[in-house]
Amino acid sequence: MGAREAGLPQRFGSAEGLPERVTIWEVGARDGLQNESAVVPVEVKLEFLDRLADAGLTTLEATSFVHPKWVPQLADAEALLAGLDRRAGVRYPVLVPNDKGLTRALDAGVEHIAIFASATETFAKRNLNSSVEEQFAMFEPVVSRAREAGLEVRGYLSMCFGDPWEGAVDPATVAAVGNRLLGLGCSQLSLGDTIGVATPGHVERVLAAFGEAGTAVDSLAVHFHDTYGQALSNTLAALRLGVSTVDSSAGGLGGCPYAESATGNLATEDLVWMLDGLGVEHGVDLDALVATSAWMAGRLGRPSPSRVVNAIAG
């Protein structure tokens, strides 16, 4: 008898010191697929998003309006949004890199966008072709124009826990950069462990730096990669400090091009299994989600890296 048939994990009521409910920010259709070498047909992406919504996920990051030259996988952003069955009660944010990307997003009728910033100079130069300081001048008109149009804006902050070129990142620096993004008008800031090197103690120090700077914890989310097998323990550390929005990717889709042997994003199924065991509400049907990730793994031609998907779907 497998673990699922045995009725595990068992709920014992919400663990002390944890949020009663966690919002799962599902990034599989965007962050999960963007580094796939073979282009996934738009019809498959649309079915993926439909299946994720059927499983109860209410925030589905759909695509990105980066230049197709840089991310060919997402060159079909307009076609995807045109064909999307937008469900009531489901958000479909998109990533925009600049003002041109915002124009495309507005023309496509989006209601939520995200911008992608860096906490370190080297990554800012390599990924944004700017300095840390210059990125704010680039993002300010994007956020301002989006807010004027009535859009919600999220800020992603990468390299919050370590940088492959610069090494460890000072938590005070992360808090300073992150708070400037919030000050531009972002309603939420997602703290990214881009190369998956964080540990729970490090998570505590970074969140403490935001607390010392006066940042409300409900404006923060976390985005962990599982390169060193720490994504779930890091997530639990963040939850214990009051974070209640967690980014994850169905089936653990997505790798990190900046770390060798990176295993990708925190798998949504692994997160849901842990939350179930902790008695934390999330609204996701685990069986439907596992079936969806197994289906997508079949389309991609390889097994899912999610331990829960493999344990249940076998």
C-alpha atoms as a PDB file:
ATOM      1  CA  MET A   1       0.000   0.000   0.000  1.00  0.00           C
ATOM      2  CA  GLY A   2       1.407   3.399  -1.041  1.00  0.00           C
ATOM      3  CA  ALA A   3       1.512   6.478   1.157  1.00  0.00           C
ATOM      4  CA  ARG A   4      -1.455   8.044  -0.615  1.00  0.00           C
ATOM      5  CA  GLU A   5      -3.609   4.943  -0.184  1.00  0.00           C
ATOM      6  CA  ALA A   6      -2.659   4.864   3.487  1.00  0.00           C
ATOM      7  CA  GLY A   7      -4.216   8.300   3.931  1.00  0.00           C
ATOM      8  CA  LEU A   8      -1.025  10.215   4.634  1.00  0.00           C
ATOM      9  CA  PRO A   9      -0.214  12.914   5.446  1.00  0.00           C
ATOM     10  CA  GLN A  10      -2.585  13.166   8.385  1.00  0.00           C
ATOM     11  CA  ARG A  11      -3.878  16.524   9.557  1.00  0.00           C
ATOM     12  CA  PHE A  12      -3.490  17.359  13.215  1.00  0.00           C
ATOM     13  CA  GLY A  13      -4.741  20.950  13.108  1.00  0.00           C
ATOM     14  CA  SER A  14      -2.667  23.947  12.161  1.00  0.00           C
ATOM     15  CA  ALA A  15       0.752  23.900  13.795  1.00  0.00           C
ATOM     16  CA  GLU A  16       1.419  26.691  16.261  1.00  0.00           C
ATOM     17  CA  GLY A  17       3.075  29.769  14.802  1.00  0.00           C
ATOM     18  CA  LEU A  18       2.058  29.055  11.189  1.00  0.00           C
ATOM     19  CA  PRO A  19      -0.413  30.930   8.992  1.00  0.00           C
ATOM     20  CA  GLU A  20      -3.859  29.346   8.791  1.00  0.00           C
ATOM     21  CA  ARG A  21      -3.783  29.547   4.995  1.00  0.00           C
ATOM     22  CA  VAL A  22      -1.034  29.831   2.403  1.00  0.00           C
ATOM     23  CA  THR A  23      -1.441  31.316  -1.063  1.00  0.00           C
ATOM     24  CA  ILE A  24       0.429  29.235  -3.635  1.00  0.00           C
ATOM     25  CA  TRP A  25       1.811  31.351  -6.479  1.00  0.00           C
ATOM     26  CA  GLU A  26       2.080  28.761  -9.247  1.00  0.00           C
ATOM     27  CA  VAL A  27       4.899  29.540 -11.700  1.00  0.00           C
ATOM     28  CA  GLY A  28       5.034  26.322 -13.717  1.00  0.00           C
ATOM     29  CA  ALA A  29       3.634  27.689 -16.963  1.00  0.00           C
ATOM     30  CA  ARG A  30       6.112  30.579 -17.018  1.00  0.00           C
ATOM     31  CA  ASP A  31       9.201  29.984 -14.891  1.00  0.00           C
ATOM     32  CA  GLY A  32       8.836  26.231 -15.158  1.00  0.00           C
ATOM     33  CA  LEU A  33       8.728  26.058 -18.939  1.00  0.00           C
ATOM     34  CA  GLN A  34      10.837  29.045 -19.988  1.00  0.00           C
ATOM     35  CA  ASN A  35      14.148  27.145 -20.117  1.00  0.00           C
ATOM     36  CA  GLU A  36      12.817  24.125 -21.995  1.00  0.00           C
ATOM     37  CA  SER A  37      14.939  23.619 -25.113  1.00  0.00           C
ATOM     38  CA  ALA A  38      12.078  22.263 -27.216  1.00  0.00           C
ATOM     39  CA  VAL A  39       9.196  24.684 -27.737  1.00  0.00           C
ATOM     40  CA  VAL A  40       6.039  23.482 -26.018  1.00  0.00           C
ATOM     41  CA  PRO A  41       2.972  24.004 -28.264  1.00  0.00           C
ATOM     42  CA  VAL A  42       0.649  26.748 -27.100  1.00  0.00           C
ATOM     43  CA  GLU A  43      -2.217  24.246 -27.005  1.00  0.00           C
ATOM     44  CA  VAL A  44      -0.314  22.192 -24.422  1.00  0.00           C
ATOM     45  CA  LYS A  45       0.401  25.291 -22.338  1.00  0.00           C
ATOM     46  CA  LEU A  46      -3.275  26.254 -22.400  1.00  0.00           C
ATOM     47  CA  GLU A  47      -4.333  22.787 -21.292  1.00  0.00           C
ATOM     48  CA  PHE A  48      -1.687  22.906 -18.569  1.00  0.00           C
ATOM     49  CA  LEU A  49      -3.138  26.160 -17.232  1.00  0.00           C
ATOM     50  CA  ASP A  50      -6.691  24.753 -17.415  1.00  0.00           C
ATOM     51  CA  ARG A  51      -5.653  21.644 -15.496  1.00  0.00           C
ATOM     52  CA  LEU A  52      -3.884  23.722 -12.852  1.00  0.00           C
ATOM     53  CA  ALA A  53      -7.023  25.827 -12.388  1.00  0.00           C
ATOM     54  CA  ASP A  54      -9.117  22.655 -12.164  1.00  0.00           C
ATOM     55  CA  ALA A  55      -6.798  21.493  -9.360  1.00  0.00           C
ATOM     56  CA  GLY A  56      -7.730  24.564  -7.323  1.00  0.00           C
ATOM     57  CA  LEU A  57      -4.741  26.834  -7.874  1.00  0.00           C
ATOM     58  CA  THR A  58      -5.893  30.450  -7.978  1.00  0.00           C
ATOM     59  CA  THR A  59      -2.708  32.281  -8.992  1.00  0.00           C
ATOM     60  CA  LEU A  60      -1.226  31.010 -12.240  1.00  0.00           C
ATOM     61  CA  GLU A  61       1.691  32.934 -13.680  1.00  0.00           C
ATOM     62  CA  ALA A  62       0.880  32.459 -17.330  1.00  0.00           C
ATOM     63  CA  THR A  63       3.735  33.791 -19.462  1.00  0.00           C
ATOM     64  CA  SER A  64       6.256  36.573 -19.969  1.00  0.00           C
ATOM     65  CA  PHE A  65       6.531  39.483 -22.379  1.00  0.00           C
ATOM     66  CA  VAL A  66      10.295  39.353 -22.658  1.00  0.00           C
ATOM     67  CA  HIS A  67      11.761  39.663 -26.157  1.00  0.00           C
ATOM     68  CA  PRO A  68      11.358  36.343 -28.027  1.00  0.00           C
ATOM     69  CA  LYS A  69      15.073  36.437 -28.852  1.00  0.00           C
ATOM     70  CA  TRP A  70      15.915  35.961 -25.182  1.00  0.00           C
ATOM     71  CA  VAL A  71      13.189  33.471 -24.251  1.00  0.00           C
ATOM     72  CA  PRO A  72      11.955  31.709 -27.416  1.00  0.00           C
ATOM     73  CA  GLN A  73       9.753  29.403 -25.345  1.00  0.00           C
ATOM     74  CA  LEU A  74       7.497  32.346 -24.445  1.00  0.00           C
ATOM     75  CA  ALA A  75       7.315  33.944 -27.882  1.00  0.00           C
ATOM     76  CA  ASP A  76       3.675  32.841 -28.016  1.00  0.00           C
ATOM     77  CA  ALA A  77       2.591  35.096 -25.129  1.00  0.00           C
ATOM     78  CA  GLU A  78      -0.085  36.942 -27.119  1.00  0.00           C
ATOM     79  CA  ALA A  79      -1.466  33.742 -28.616  1.00  0.00           C
ATOM     80  CA  LEU A  80      -1.573  32.070 -25.210  1.00  0.00           C
ATOM     81  CA  LEU A  81      -3.444  34.920 -23.551  1.00  0.00           C
ATOM     82  CA  ALA A  82      -5.842  35.175 -26.488  1.00  0.00           C
ATOM     83  CA  GLY A  83      -6.701  31.493 -26.117  1.00  0.00           C
ATOM     84  CA  LEU A  84      -6.808  31.429 -22.320  1.00  0.00           C
ATOM     85  CA  ASP A  85     -10.029  30.405 -20.574  1.00  0.00           C
ATOM     86  CA  ARG A  86      -9.851  32.935 -17.745  1.00  0.00           C
ATOM     87  CA  ARG A  87     -11.610  31.490 -14.734  1.00  0.00           C
ATOM     88  CA  ALA A  88     -13.491  33.558 -12.201  1.00  0.00           C
ATOM     89  CA  GLY A  89     -11.448  33.830  -9.043  1.00  0.00           C
ATOM     90  CA  VAL A  90      -8.175  32.906 -10.775  1.00  0.00           C
ATOM     91  CA  ARG A  91      -5.365  35.410 -11.366  1.00  0.00           C
ATOM     92  CA  TYR A  92      -3.108  35.106 -14.414  1.00  0.00           C
ATOM     93  CA  PRO A  93      -0.113  37.407 -13.824  1.00  0.00           C
ATOM     94  CA  VAL A  94       2.553  37.855 -16.482  1.00  0.00           C
ATOM     95  CA  LEU A  95       6.169  38.941 -16.259  1.00  0.00           C
ATOM     96  CA  VAL A  96       7.150  42.176 -18.010  1.00  0.00           C
ATOM     97  CA  PRO A  97      10.787  43.306 -18.345  1.00  0.00           C
ATOM     98  CA  ASN A  98      10.299  46.906 -19.437  1.00  0.00           C
ATOM     99  CA  ASP A  99       7.895  49.486 -20.817  1.00  0.00           C
ATOM    100  CA  LYS A 100       7.596  47.729 -24.182  1.00  0.00           C
ATOM    101  CA  GLY A 101       6.678  44.526 -22.408  1.00  0.00           C
ATOM    102  CA  LEU A 102       4.039  46.398 -20.411  1.00  0.00           C
ATOM    103  CA  THR A 103       2.499  47.759 -23.606  1.00  0.00           C
ATOM    104  CA  ARG A 104       2.197  44.226 -24.964  1.00  0.00           C
ATOM    105  CA  ALA A 105       0.685  43.068 -21.676  1.00  0.00           C
ATOM    106  CA  LEU A 106      -1.870  45.878 -21.612  1.00  0.00           C
ATOM    107  CA  ASP A 107      -2.828  45.161 -25.216  1.00  0.00           C
ATOM    108  CA  ALA A 108      -3.392  41.530 -24.214  1.00  0.00           C
ATOM    109  CA  GLY A 109      -5.768  42.560 -21.426  1.00  0.00           C
ATOM    110  CA  VAL A 110      -3.769  41.409 -18.413  1.00  0.00           C
ATOM    111  CA  GLU A 111      -4.708  42.522 -14.905  1.00  0.00           C
ATOM    112  CA  HIS A 112      -1.586  41.525 -12.962  1.00  0.00           C
ATOM    113  CA  ILE A 113       2.074  41.940 -13.880  1.00  0.00           C
ATOM    114  CA  ALA A 114       5.404  41.217 -12.273  1.00  0.00           C
ATOM    115  CA  ILE A 115       8.810  42.845 -12.712  1.00  0.00           C
ATOM    116  CA  PHE A 116      12.118  41.076 -12.196  1.00  0.00           C
ATOM    117  CA  ALA A 117      14.943  42.858 -10.361  1.00  0.00           C
ATOM    118  CA  SER A 118      18.324  41.922  -8.913  1.00  0.00           C
ATOM    119  CA  ALA A 119      19.835  42.322  -5.456  1.00  0.00           C
ATOM    120  CA  THR A 120      23.388  42.073  -6.847  1.00  0.00           C
ATOM    121  CA  GLU A 121      25.406  44.132  -9.304  1.00  0.00           C
ATOM    122  CA  THR A 122      26.715  41.255 -11.407  1.00  0.00           C
ATOM    123  CA  PHE A 123      23.342  39.660 -12.002  1.00  0.00           C
ATOM    124  CA  ALA A 124      21.798  43.062 -12.731  1.00  0.00           C
ATOM    125  CA  LYS A 125      24.445  43.611 -15.391  1.00  0.00           C
ATOM    126  CA  ARG A 126      24.144  40.143 -16.896  1.00  0.00           C
ATOM    127  CA  ASN A 127      20.356  39.811 -16.757  1.00  0.00           C
ATOM    128  CA  LEU A 128      19.124  43.392 -17.029  1.00  0.00           C
ATOM    129  CA  ASN A 129      22.073  45.155 -18.658  1.00  0.00           C
ATOM    130  CA  SER A 130      21.991  47.712 -15.868  1.00  0.00           C
ATOM    131  CA  SER A 131      23.387  48.375 -12.431  1.00  0.00           C
ATOM    132  CA  VAL A 132      21.370  47.815  -9.274  1.00  0.00           C
ATOM    133  CA  GLU A 133      20.778  51.559  -9.126  1.00  0.00           C
ATOM    134  CA  GLU A 134      19.879  51.883 -12.810  1.00  0.00           C
ATOM    135  CA  GLN A 135      17.247  49.155 -12.601  1.00  0.00           C
ATOM    136  CA  PHE A 136      15.008  51.407 -10.506  1.00  0.00           C
ATOM    137  CA  ALA A 137      14.970  54.050 -13.234  1.00  0.00           C
ATOM    138  CA  MET A 138      13.961  51.320 -15.675  1.00  0.00           C
ATOM    139  CA  PHE A 139      11.187  49.926 -13.488  1.00  0.00           C
ATOM    140  CA  GLU A 140       9.723  53.159 -12.100  1.00  0.00           C
ATOM    141  CA  PRO A 141       7.774  54.121 -15.267  1.00  0.00           C
ATOM    142  CA  VAL A 142       6.635  50.526 -15.750  1.00  0.00           C
ATOM    143  CA  VAL A 143       5.205  50.258 -12.241  1.00  0.00           C
ATOM    144  CA  SER A 144       3.735  53.755 -12.342  1.00  0.00           C
ATOM    145  CA  ARG A 145       2.020  53.216 -15.678  1.00  0.00           C
ATOM    146  CA  ALA A 146       0.742  49.785 -14.655  1.00  0.00           C
ATOM    147  CA  ARG A 147      -0.725  51.114 -11.424  1.00  0.00           C
ATOM    148  CA  GLU A 148      -2.350  54.007 -13.273  1.00  0.00           C
ATOM    149  CA  ALA A 149      -3.988  51.406 -15.541  1.00  0.00           C
ATOM    150  CA  GLY A 150      -5.356  49.609 -12.468  1.00  0.00           C
ATOM    151  CA  LEU A 151      -2.976  46.644 -12.584  1.00  0.00           C
ATOM    152  CA  GLU A 152      -1.551  44.843  -9.582  1.00  0.00           C
ATOM    153  CA  VAL A 153       2.252  44.766  -9.647  1.00  0.00           C
ATOM    154  CA  ARG A 154       4.518  42.196  -8.053  1.00  0.00           C
ATOM    155  CA  GLY A 155       8.264  42.541  -7.693  1.00  0.00           C
ATOM    156  CA  TYR A 156      10.625  39.602  -8.026  1.00  0.00           C
ATOM    157  CA  LEU A 157      14.006  40.081  -6.388  1.00  0.00           C
ATOM    158  CA  SER A 158      16.648  37.602  -7.510  1.00  0.00           C
ATOM    159  CA  MET A 159      19.926  36.546  -5.840  1.00  0.00           C
ATOM    160  CA  CYS A 160      18.587  37.248  -2.340  1.00  0.00           C
ATOM    161  CA  PHE A 161      20.609  34.493  -0.676  1.00  0.00           C
ATOM    162  CA  GLY A 162      23.643  33.972  -2.871  1.00  0.00           C
ATOM    163  CA  ASP A 163      25.121  34.982  -6.211  1.00  0.00           C
ATOM    164  CA  PRO A 164      27.288  32.652  -8.351  1.00  0.00           C
ATOM    165  CA  TRP A 165      29.709  35.479  -9.131  1.00  0.00           C
ATOM    166  CA  GLU A 166      29.639  37.492  -5.906  1.00  0.00           C
ATOM    167  CA  GLY A 167      29.014  34.796  -3.302  1.00  0.00           C
ATOM    168  CA  ALA A 168      27.013  35.523  -0.159  1.00  0.00           C
ATOM    169  CA  VAL A 169      24.646  38.497  -0.276  1.00  0.00           C
ATOM    170  CA  ASP A 170      24.277  40.815   2.723  1.00  0.00           C
ATOM    171  CA  PRO A 171      20.695  40.554   4.092  1.00  0.00           C
ATOM    172  CA  ALA A 172      20.677  44.313   4.750  1.00  0.00           C
ATOM    173  CA  THR A 173      21.408  44.902   1.060  1.00  0.00           C
ATOM    174  CA  VAL A 174      18.568  42.588   0.069  1.00  0.00           C
ATOM    175  CA  ALA A 175      16.178  44.458   2.353  1.00  0.00           C
ATOM    176  CA  ALA A 176      17.299  47.848   1.039  1.00  0.00           C
ATOM    177  CA  VAL A 177      16.842  46.864  -2.604  1.00  0.00           C
ATOM    178  CA  GLY A 178      13.570  45.081  -1.899  1.00  0.00           C
ATOM    179  CA  ASN A 179      12.089  48.011  -0.042  1.00  0.00           C
ATOM    180  CA  ARG A 180      12.894  50.311  -2.940  1.00  0.00           C
ATOM    181  CA  LEU A 181      10.858  48.034  -5.193  1.00  0.00           C
ATOM    182  CA  LEU A 182       7.967  48.141  -2.745  1.00  0.00           C
ATOM    183  CA  GLY A 183       8.369  51.903  -2.625  1.00  0.00           C
ATOM    184  CA  LEU A 184       7.933  52.093  -6.396  1.00  0.00           C
ATOM    185  CA  GLY A 185       4.434  50.667  -5.969  1.00  0.00           C
ATOM    186  CA  CYS A 186       4.830  46.886  -5.967  1.00  0.00           C
ATOM    187  CA  SER A 187       2.169  45.373  -3.750  1.00  0.00           C
ATOM    188  CA  GLN A 188       4.211  42.241  -3.085  1.00  0.00           C
ATOM    189  CA  LEU A 189       7.884  41.307  -3.170  1.00  0.00           C
ATOM    190  CA  SER A 190       8.988  37.745  -3.886  1.00  0.00           C
ATOM    191  CA  LEU A 191      12.408  36.896  -2.450  1.00  0.00           C
ATOM    192  CA  GLY A 192      14.242  34.565  -4.814  1.00  0.00           C
ATOM    193  CA  ASP A 193      16.852  31.969  -3.900  1.00  0.00           C
ATOM    194  CA  THR A 194      17.914  31.956  -7.524  1.00  0.00           C
ATOM    195  CA  ILE A 195      20.681  29.360  -7.237  1.00  0.00           C
ATOM    196  CA  GLY A 196      19.161  27.368  -4.386  1.00  0.00           C
ATOM    197  CA  VAL A 197      21.869  27.939  -1.765  1.00  0.00           C
ATOM    198  CA  ALA A 198      19.754  29.223   1.141  1.00  0.00           C
ATOM    199  CA  THR A 199      19.350  27.387   4.438  1.00  0.00           C
ATOM    200  CA  PRO A 200      16.693  28.024   7.114  1.00  0.00           C
ATOM    201  CA  GLY A 201      18.995  30.155   9.254  1.00  0.00           C
ATOM    202  CA  HIS A 202      19.820  32.301   6.251  1.00  0.00           C
ATOM    203  CA  VAL A 203      16.115  32.708   5.504  1.00  0.00           C
ATOM    204  CA  GLU A 204      15.576  33.874   9.065  1.00  0.00           C
ATOM    205  CA  ARG A 205      18.352  36.462   8.742  1.00  0.00           C
ATOM    206  CA  VAL A 206      17.018  37.876   5.476  1.00  0.00           C
ATOM    207  CA  LEU A 207      13.467  38.140   6.826  1.00  0.00           C
ATOM    208  CA  ALA A 208      14.814  39.687  10.027  1.00  0.00           C
ATOM    209  CA  ALA A 209      16.561  42.354   7.934  1.00  0.00           C
ATOM    210  CA  PHE A 210      13.227  43.264   6.358  1.00  0.00           C
ATOM    211  CA  GLY A 211      11.620  43.369   9.783  1.00  0.00           C
ATOM    212  CA  GLU A 212      14.338  45.677  11.080  1.00  0.00           C
ATOM    213  CA  ALA A 213      13.691  47.936   8.080  1.00  0.00           C
ATOM    214  CA  GLY A 214       9.999  48.117   9.001  1.00  0.00           C
ATOM    215  CA  THR A 215       8.698  45.986   6.130  1.00  0.00           C
ATOM    216  CA  ALA A 216       5.345  44.291   6.757  1.00  0.00           C
ATOM    217  CA  VAL A 217       5.783  40.536   6.414  1.00  0.00           C
ATOM    218  CA  ASP A 218       2.481  40.230   4.565  1.00  0.00           C
ATOM    219  CA  SER A 219       4.067  42.111   1.660  1.00  0.00           C
ATOM    220  CA  LEU A 220       6.690  39.373   1.240  1.00  0.00           C
ATOM    221  CA  ALA A 221       6.643  36.048  -0.602  1.00  0.00           C
ATOM    222  CA  VAL A 222       9.358  33.428  -1.025  1.00  0.00           C
ATOM    223  CA  HIS A 223      10.652  31.647  -4.121  1.00  0.00           C
ATOM    224  CA  PHE A 224      13.028  28.763  -3.427  1.00  0.00           C
ATOM    225  CA  HIS A 225      14.990  26.474  -5.704  1.00  0.00           C
ATOM    226  CA  ASP A 226      15.792  22.980  -4.499  1.00  0.00           C
ATOM    227  CA  THR A 227      19.386  22.712  -5.720  1.00  0.00           C
ATOM    228  CA  TYR A 228      20.666  21.500  -2.347  1.00  0.00           C
ATOM    229  CA  GLY A 229      17.420  19.942  -1.136  1.00  0.00           C
ATOM    230  CA  GLN A 230      16.575  22.867   1.150  1.00  0.00           C
ATOM    231  CA  ALA A 231      13.464  24.334  -0.502  1.00  0.00           C
ATOM    232  CA  LEU A 232      10.886  22.797   1.849  1.00  0.00           C
ATOM    233  CA  SER A 233      12.863  23.491   5.024  1.00  0.00           C
ATOM    234  CA  ASN A 234      13.447  27.055   3.853  1.00  0.00           C
ATOM    235  CA  THR A 235       9.740  27.439   3.158  1.00  0.00           C
ATOM    236  CA  LEU A 236       8.845  26.196   6.627  1.00  0.00           C
ATOM    237  CA  ALA A 237      11.287  28.688   8.153  1.00  0.00           C
ATOM    238  CA  ALA A 238       9.589  31.500   6.208  1.00  0.00           C
ATOM    239  CA  LEU A 239       6.105  30.343   7.223  1.00  0.00           C
ATOM    240  CA  ARG A 240       7.106  30.347  10.885  1.00  0.00           C
ATOM    241  CA  LEU A 241       8.082  33.994  10.494  1.00  0.00           C
ATOM    242  CA  GLY A 242       4.706  34.966   9.025  1.00  0.00           C
ATOM    243  CA  VAL A 243       5.176  34.662   5.258  1.00  0.00           C
ATOM    244  CA  SER A 244       1.972  33.317   3.718  1.00  0.00           C
ATOM    245  CA  THR A 245       2.635  33.409  -0.044  1.00  0.00           C
ATOM    246  CA  VAL A 246       4.915  30.748  -1.512  1.00  0.00           C
ATOM    247  CA  ASP A 247       6.014  30.407  -5.132  1.00  0.00           C
ATOM    248  CA  SER A 248       6.209  26.890  -6.518  1.00  0.00           C
ATOM    249  CA  SER A 249       6.098  25.019  -9.795  1.00  0.00           C
ATOM    250  CA  ALA A 250       3.873  22.059 -10.629  1.00  0.00           C
ATOM    251  CA  GLY A 251       5.989  18.930 -10.869  1.00  0.00           C
ATOM    252  CA  GLY A 252       9.119  20.874  -9.920  1.00  0.00           C
ATOM    253  CA  LEU A 253       9.434  22.227 -13.464  1.00  0.00           C
ATOM    254  CA  GLY A 254      12.171  24.738 -14.137  1.00  0.00           C
ATOM    255  CA  GLY A 255      15.910  24.761 -13.749  1.00  0.00           C
ATOM    256  CA  CYS A 256      18.395  27.423 -12.834  1.00  0.00           C
ATOM    257  CA  PRO A 257      20.864  28.350 -15.596  1.00  0.00           C
ATOM    258  CA  TYR A 258      23.204  29.885 -13.004  1.00  0.00           C
ATOM    259  CA  ALA A 259      23.864  26.768 -10.907  1.00  0.00           C
ATOM    260  CA  GLU A 260      25.190  23.438 -12.109  1.00  0.00           C
ATOM    261  CA  SER A 261      22.930  20.460 -11.325  1.00  0.00           C
ATOM    262  CA  ALA A 262      20.110  22.740 -10.172  1.00  0.00           C
ATOM    263  CA  THR A 263      16.965  20.695  -9.713  1.00  0.00           C
ATOM    264  CA  GLY A 264      14.558  23.530 -10.330  1.00  0.00           C
ATOM    265  CA  ASN A 265      11.795  25.189  -8.420  1.00  0.00           C
ATOM    266  CA  LEU A 266      10.107  23.911  -5.301  1.00  0.00           C
ATOM    267  CA  ALA A 267       7.541  21.397  -6.538  1.00  0.00           C
ATOM    268  CA  THR A 268       3.975  22.454  -5.821  1.00  0.00           C
ATOM    269  CA  GLU A 269       3.024  18.874  -4.906  1.00  0.00           C
ATOM    270  CA  ASP A 270       5.823  18.669  -2.334  1.00  0.00           C
ATOM    271  CA  LEU A 271       4.666  21.975  -0.866  1.00  0.00           C
ATOM    272  CA  VAL A 272       1.032  20.839  -0.725  1.00  0.00           C
ATOM    273  CA  TRP A 273       1.997  17.567   0.978  1.00  0.00           C
ATOM    274  CA  MET A 274       3.877  19.480   3.660  1.00  0.00           C
ATOM    275  CA  LEU A 275       1.066  21.995   4.148  1.00  0.00           C
ATOM    276  CA  ASP A 276      -1.455  19.174   4.474  1.00  0.00           C
ATOM    277  CA  GLY A 277       0.642  17.583   7.197  1.00  0.00           C
ATOM    278  CA  LEU A 278       0.881  20.910   9.002  1.00  0.00           C
ATOM    279  CA  GLY A 279      -2.864  21.537   8.795  1.00  0.00           C
ATOM    280  CA  VAL A 280      -2.373  24.701   6.737  1.00  0.00           C
ATOM    281  CA  GLU A 281      -5.128  25.434   4.221  1.00  0.00           C
ATOM    282  CA  HIS A 282      -4.250  25.996   0.546  1.00  0.00           C
ATOM    283  CA  GLY A 283      -7.273  25.002  -1.541  1.00  0.00           C
ATOM    284  CA  VAL A 284      -5.478  22.583  -3.876  1.00  0.00           C
ATOM    285  CA  ASP A 285      -6.653  19.091  -4.832  1.00  0.00           C
ATOM    286  CA  LEU A 286      -3.415  17.111  -4.578  1.00  0.00           C
ATOM    287  CA  ASP A 287      -4.574  14.157  -6.672  1.00  0.00           C
ATOM    288  CA  ALA A 288      -5.656  16.443  -9.533  1.00  0.00           C
ATOM    289  CA  LEU A 289      -2.391  18.345  -9.305  1.00  0.00           C
ATOM    290  CA  VAL A 290      -0.295  15.154  -9.378  1.00  0.00           C
ATOM    291  CA  ALA A 291      -2.240  13.948 -12.418  1.00  0.00           C
ATOM    292  CA  THR A 292      -1.577  17.275 -14.118  1.00  0.00           C
ATOM    293  CA  SER A 293       2.163  17.142 -13.461  1.00  0.00           C
ATOM    294  CA  ALA A 294       2.367  13.530 -14.593  1.00  0.00           C
ATOM    295  CA  TRP A 295       0.542  14.531 -17.766  1.00  0.00           C
ATOM    296  CA  MET A 296       2.958  17.404 -18.402  1.00  0.00           C
ATOM    297  CA  ALA A 297       5.970  15.197 -17.700  1.00  0.00           C
ATOM    298  CA  GLY A 298       4.676  12.915 -20.439  1.00  0.00           C
ATOM    299  CA  ARG A 299       4.452  15.843 -22.842  1.00  0.00           C
ATOM    300  CA  LEU A 300       8.023  16.841 -21.997  1.00  0.00           C
ATOM    301  CA  GLY A 301       9.276  13.288 -22.311  1.00  0.00           C
ATOM    302  CA  ARG A 302      10.890  12.908 -18.915  1.00  0.00           C
ATOM    303  CA  PRO A 303       9.911  12.060 -15.346  1.00  0.00           C
ATOM    304  CA  SER A 304       8.903  14.765 -12.895  1.00  0.00           C
ATOM    305  CA  PRO A 305      11.559  15.624 -10.287  1.00  0.00           C
ATOM    306  CA  SER A 306       8.832  16.005  -7.650  1.00  0.00           C
ATOM    307  CA  ARG A 307       9.113  13.341  -4.975  1.00  0.00           C
ATOM    308  CA  VAL A 308       5.382  13.511  -4.254  1.00  0.00           C
ATOM    309  CA  VAL A 309       4.460  13.120  -7.930  1.00  0.00           C
ATOM    310  CA  ASN A 310       6.669  10.050  -8.149  1.00  0.00           C
ATOM    311  CA  ALA A 311       5.361   8.612  -4.872  1.00  0.00           C
ATOM    312  CA  ILE A 312       1.717   8.989  -5.868  1.00  0.00           C
ATOM    313  CA  ALA A 313       1.744   8.607  -9.656  1.00  0.00           C
ATOM    314  CA  GLY A 314       4.650   6.163  -9.564  1.00  0.00           C
END
